């Protein structure tokens, strides 16, 4: 799958939680999302700095930078929300490709959310980090890794 093809497939399979996604497809989409997030985040950061500088210089809070902060912030929020469901479906398909049920992804994802939202402290932070590392490792596994091991 090509870099552009992976991104097209990402949006085409918006609600597709069945089937498989190769490592290449998964990581190409991750790279797309990092690039888009970095560009929008960089624009937001520059606009925010400009807005703060103009507020200090002119004493008011409104300037052209305020418009750009709203624009870049809005675009970043819209893209993040729009990409949420296809990102979840892509991850489930990636887990399927390694031979795991999509419920493994759902379970690990929910555990991470619960730890992040409801707990604090070093121990819970380490547990959350370990769960994230396990999720990362699973996405790095080759196709049917677990099925191949079961057959041996």
C-alpha atoms as a PDB file:
ATOM      1  CA  UNK A   1       0.000   0.000   0.000  1.00  0.00           C
ATOM      2  CA  UNK A   2       1.270   3.458  -0.874  1.00  0.00           C
ATOM      3  CA  UNK A   3       1.529   6.443   1.452  1.00  0.00           C
ATOM      4  CA  UNK A   4      -1.382   8.224  -0.254  1.00  0.00           C
ATOM      5  CA  UNK A   5      -3.334   4.980  -0.684  1.00  0.00           C
ATOM      6  CA  UNK A   6      -3.165   4.303   3.052  1.00  0.00           C
ATOM      7  CA  UNK A   7      -4.631   7.725   3.803  1.00  0.00           C
ATOM      8  CA  UNK A   8      -7.439   7.218   1.275  1.00  0.00           C
ATOM      9  CA  UNK A   9      -8.170   3.782   2.746  1.00  0.00           C
ATOM     10  CA  UNK A  10      -8.197   5.305   6.237  1.00  0.00           C
ATOM     11  CA  UNK A  11     -11.099   7.609   5.319  1.00  0.00           C
ATOM     12  CA  UNK A  12     -12.829   5.041   3.082  1.00  0.00           C
ATOM     13  CA  UNK A  13     -12.978   2.542   5.975  1.00  0.00           C
ATOM     14  CA  UNK A  14     -14.372   5.084   8.458  1.00  0.00           C
ATOM     15  CA  UNK A  15     -16.665   2.639  10.299  1.00  0.00           C
ATOM     16  CA  UNK A  16     -15.062  -0.624   9.164  1.00  0.00           C
ATOM     17  CA  UNK A  17     -14.084  -2.553  12.281  1.00  0.00           C
ATOM     18  CA  UNK A  18     -13.719  -5.869  10.439  1.00  0.00           C
ATOM     19  CA  UNK A  19     -10.947  -7.101   8.213  1.00  0.00           C
ATOM     20  CA  UNK A  20      -7.265  -6.380   8.539  1.00  0.00           C
ATOM     21  CA  UNK A  21      -4.814  -3.498   8.281  1.00  0.00           C
ATOM     22  CA  UNK A  22      -1.178  -4.190   7.495  1.00  0.00           C
ATOM     23  CA  UNK A  23       1.681  -2.660   9.445  1.00  0.00           C
ATOM     24  CA  UNK A  24       2.491  -0.485   6.453  1.00  0.00           C
ATOM     25  CA  UNK A  25      -1.067   0.845   6.186  1.00  0.00           C
ATOM     26  CA  UNK A  26      -1.286   1.471   9.923  1.00  0.00           C
ATOM     27  CA  UNK A  27       2.036   3.315  10.235  1.00  0.00           C
ATOM     28  CA  UNK A  28       1.500   5.334   7.034  1.00  0.00           C
ATOM     29  CA  UNK A  29      -1.740   6.637   8.555  1.00  0.00           C
ATOM     30  CA  UNK A  30       0.017   7.361  11.852  1.00  0.00           C
ATOM     31  CA  UNK A  31       2.615   9.347   9.910  1.00  0.00           C
ATOM     32  CA  UNK A  32      -0.111  11.252   8.030  1.00  0.00           C
ATOM     33  CA  UNK A  33      -1.822  12.131  11.303  1.00  0.00           C
ATOM     34  CA  UNK A  34       1.459  13.238  12.899  1.00  0.00           C
ATOM     35  CA  UNK A  35       2.250  15.473   9.916  1.00  0.00           C
ATOM     36  CA  UNK A  36      -1.224  17.028   9.837  1.00  0.00           C
ATOM     37  CA  UNK A  37      -1.246  17.495  13.619  1.00  0.00           C
ATOM     38  CA  UNK A  38       2.242  19.014  13.568  1.00  0.00           C
ATOM     39  CA  UNK A  39       1.383  21.482  10.794  1.00  0.00           C
ATOM     40  CA  UNK A  40      -1.853  22.576  12.473  1.00  0.00           C
ATOM     41  CA  UNK A  41      -0.228  22.621  15.918  1.00  0.00           C
ATOM     42  CA  UNK A  42       2.702  24.677  14.637  1.00  0.00           C
ATOM     43  CA  UNK A  43       0.297  27.163  13.038  1.00  0.00           C
ATOM     44  CA  UNK A  44      -1.690  27.318  16.260  1.00  0.00           C
ATOM     45  CA  UNK A  45       1.448  27.898  18.320  1.00  0.00           C
ATOM     46  CA  UNK A  46       2.743  30.656  16.053  1.00  0.00           C
ATOM     47  CA  UNK A  47      -0.652  32.322  15.999  1.00  0.00           C
ATOM     48  CA  UNK A  48      -0.916  32.145  19.771  1.00  0.00           C
ATOM     49  CA  UNK A  49       2.518  33.724  20.202  1.00  0.00           C
ATOM     50  CA  UNK A  50       1.497  36.478  17.776  1.00  0.00           C
ATOM     51  CA  UNK A  51      -1.758  37.012  19.649  1.00  0.00           C
ATOM     52  CA  UNK A  52       0.042  37.306  22.979  1.00  0.00           C
ATOM     53  CA  UNK A  53       2.619  39.700  21.518  1.00  0.00           C
ATOM     54  CA  UNK A  54      -0.065  41.950  20.032  1.00  0.00           C
ATOM     55  CA  UNK A  55      -2.054  41.903  23.283  1.00  0.00           C
ATOM     56  CA  UNK A  56       1.024  43.096  25.171  1.00  0.00           C
ATOM     57  CA  UNK A  57       1.919  45.693  22.521  1.00  0.00           C
ATOM     58  CA  UNK A  58      -1.510  47.145  21.884  1.00  0.00           C
ATOM     59  CA  UNK A  59      -3.239  46.392  25.141  1.00  0.00           C
ATOM     60  CA  UNK A  60      -6.205  44.670  23.540  1.00  0.00           C
ATOM     61  CA  UNK A  61      -6.774  40.997  22.991  1.00  0.00           C
ATOM     62  CA  UNK A  62      -8.029  41.098  19.408  1.00  0.00           C
ATOM     63  CA  UNK A  63      -5.839  41.063  16.341  1.00  0.00           C
ATOM     64  CA  UNK A  64      -5.338  39.130  13.135  1.00  0.00           C
ATOM     65  CA  UNK A  65      -3.499  36.556  15.247  1.00  0.00           C
ATOM     66  CA  UNK A  66      -6.696  35.943  17.199  1.00  0.00           C
ATOM     67  CA  UNK A  67      -8.388  34.935  13.965  1.00  0.00           C
ATOM     68  CA  UNK A  68      -5.525  32.558  13.141  1.00  0.00           C
ATOM     69  CA  UNK A  69      -5.602  31.034  16.628  1.00  0.00           C
ATOM     70  CA  UNK A  70      -9.298  30.352  16.150  1.00  0.00           C
ATOM     71  CA  UNK A  71      -8.716  29.028  12.636  1.00  0.00           C
ATOM     72  CA  UNK A  72      -5.837  26.674  13.465  1.00  0.00           C
ATOM     73  CA  UNK A  73      -7.363  25.614  16.785  1.00  0.00           C
ATOM     74  CA  UNK A  74     -10.690  24.924  15.105  1.00  0.00           C
ATOM     75  CA  UNK A  75      -9.094  22.976  12.271  1.00  0.00           C
ATOM     76  CA  UNK A  76      -7.048  20.922  14.712  1.00  0.00           C
ATOM     77  CA  UNK A  77     -10.136  20.153  16.820  1.00  0.00           C
ATOM     78  CA  UNK A  78     -12.241  19.272  13.775  1.00  0.00           C
ATOM     79  CA  UNK A  79      -9.550  17.026  12.286  1.00  0.00           C
ATOM     80  CA  UNK A  80      -8.966  15.297  15.631  1.00  0.00           C
ATOM     81  CA  UNK A  81     -12.665  14.590  16.087  1.00  0.00           C
ATOM     82  CA  UNK A  82     -13.124  13.522  12.460  1.00  0.00           C
ATOM     83  CA  UNK A  83     -10.160  11.122  12.676  1.00  0.00           C
ATOM     84  CA  UNK A  84     -11.151   9.559  16.018  1.00  0.00           C
ATOM     85  CA  UNK A  85     -13.487   6.809  14.775  1.00  0.00           C
ATOM     86  CA  UNK A  86     -11.410   5.801  11.737  1.00  0.00           C
ATOM     87  CA  UNK A  87      -8.319   5.704  13.989  1.00  0.00           C
ATOM     88  CA  UNK A  88     -10.096   3.333  16.353  1.00  0.00           C
ATOM     89  CA  UNK A  89     -11.318   1.154  13.466  1.00  0.00           C
ATOM     90  CA  UNK A  90      -7.825   1.115  11.925  1.00  0.00           C
ATOM     91  CA  UNK A  91      -6.347  -0.011  15.259  1.00  0.00           C
ATOM     92  CA  UNK A  92      -8.925  -2.789  15.589  1.00  0.00           C
ATOM     93  CA  UNK A  93      -8.121  -3.950  12.042  1.00  0.00           C
ATOM     94  CA  UNK A  94      -4.384  -3.829  12.872  1.00  0.00           C
ATOM     95  CA  UNK A  95      -4.990  -6.083  15.902  1.00  0.00           C
ATOM     96  CA  UNK A  96      -6.947  -8.465  13.642  1.00  0.00           C
ATOM     97  CA  UNK A  97      -3.932  -8.600  11.307  1.00  0.00           C
ATOM     98  CA  UNK A  98      -1.699  -9.762  14.157  1.00  0.00           C
ATOM     99  CA  UNK A  99      -4.161 -12.546  14.975  1.00  0.00           C
ATOM    100  CA  UNK A 100      -5.751 -10.860  17.987  1.00  0.00           C
ATOM    101  CA  UNK A 101      -9.389 -10.017  18.457  1.00  0.00           C
ATOM    102  CA  UNK A 102     -10.335  -6.360  18.228  1.00  0.00           C
ATOM    103  CA  UNK A 103     -11.604  -6.724  21.784  1.00  0.00           C
ATOM    104  CA  UNK A 104      -7.977  -6.792  22.929  1.00  0.00           C
ATOM    105  CA  UNK A 105      -7.568  -3.285  21.564  1.00  0.00           C
ATOM    106  CA  UNK A 106     -10.844  -2.144  23.130  1.00  0.00           C
ATOM    107  CA  UNK A 107      -9.884  -3.609  26.520  1.00  0.00           C
ATOM    108  CA  UNK A 108      -6.396  -2.114  26.569  1.00  0.00           C
ATOM    109  CA  UNK A 109      -7.706   1.229  25.305  1.00  0.00           C
ATOM    110  CA  UNK A 110     -10.404   1.382  28.004  1.00  0.00           C
ATOM    111  CA  UNK A 111      -7.893   0.403  30.720  1.00  0.00           C
ATOM    112  CA  UNK A 112      -5.638   3.246  29.554  1.00  0.00           C
ATOM    113  CA  UNK A 113      -8.514   5.740  29.557  1.00  0.00           C
ATOM    114  CA  UNK A 114      -9.629   4.708  33.041  1.00  0.00           C
ATOM    115  CA  UNK A 115      -6.083   4.993  34.384  1.00  0.00           C
ATOM    116  CA  UNK A 116      -5.603   8.385  32.738  1.00  0.00           C
ATOM    117  CA  UNK A 117      -8.905   9.892  33.841  1.00  0.00           C
ATOM    118  CA  UNK A 118      -9.415   8.472  37.316  1.00  0.00           C
ATOM    119  CA  UNK A 119      -6.078   7.757  38.923  1.00  0.00           C
ATOM    120  CA  UNK A 120      -2.940   9.571  39.919  1.00  0.00           C
ATOM    121  CA  UNK A 121       0.423   8.622  41.330  1.00  0.00           C
ATOM    122  CA  UNK A 122       3.616   7.059  40.123  1.00  0.00           C
ATOM    123  CA  UNK A 123       2.419   3.446  40.240  1.00  0.00           C
ATOM    124  CA  UNK A 124      -0.626   4.156  38.075  1.00  0.00           C
ATOM    125  CA  UNK A 125       1.473   6.228  35.680  1.00  0.00           C
ATOM    126  CA  UNK A 126       3.859   3.304  35.262  1.00  0.00           C
ATOM    127  CA  UNK A 127       0.959   0.879  34.724  1.00  0.00           C
ATOM    128  CA  UNK A 128      -0.522   3.218  32.095  1.00  0.00           C
ATOM    129  CA  UNK A 129       2.869   3.469  30.396  1.00  0.00           C
ATOM    130  CA  UNK A 130       3.236  -0.327  30.370  1.00  0.00           C
ATOM    131  CA  UNK A 131      -0.225  -0.750  28.833  1.00  0.00           C
ATOM    132  CA  UNK A 132       0.696   1.822  26.160  1.00  0.00           C
ATOM    133  CA  UNK A 133       3.942  -0.034  25.425  1.00  0.00           C
ATOM    134  CA  UNK A 134       2.037  -3.327  25.054  1.00  0.00           C
ATOM    135  CA  UNK A 135      -0.364  -1.624  22.627  1.00  0.00           C
ATOM    136  CA  UNK A 136       2.571  -0.216  20.646  1.00  0.00           C
ATOM    137  CA  UNK A 137       4.314  -3.591  20.482  1.00  0.00           C
ATOM    138  CA  UNK A 138       1.149  -5.261  19.189  1.00  0.00           C
ATOM    139  CA  UNK A 139       0.927  -2.732  16.335  1.00  0.00           C
ATOM    140  CA  UNK A 140       4.554  -3.521  15.444  1.00  0.00           C
ATOM    141  CA  UNK A 141       4.017  -7.283  15.206  1.00  0.00           C
ATOM    142  CA  UNK A 142       4.012  -8.948  11.794  1.00  0.00           C
ATOM    143  CA  UNK A 143       0.870 -10.319  10.201  1.00  0.00           C
ATOM    144  CA  UNK A 144      -0.676 -13.232  12.121  1.00  0.00           C
ATOM    145  CA  UNK A 145       2.096 -13.282  14.744  1.00  0.00           C
ATOM    146  CA  UNK A 146      -0.075 -14.969  17.358  1.00  0.00           C
ATOM    147  CA  UNK A 147      -1.640 -17.405  14.895  1.00  0.00           C
ATOM    148  CA  UNK A 148       1.796 -18.501  13.673  1.00  0.00           C
ATOM    149  CA  UNK A 149       2.948 -19.140  17.252  1.00  0.00           C
ATOM    150  CA  UNK A 150      -0.174 -21.183  18.018  1.00  0.00           C
ATOM    151  CA  UNK A 151       0.443 -23.362  14.958  1.00  0.00           C
ATOM    152  CA  UNK A 152       4.057 -24.155  15.951  1.00  0.00           C
END
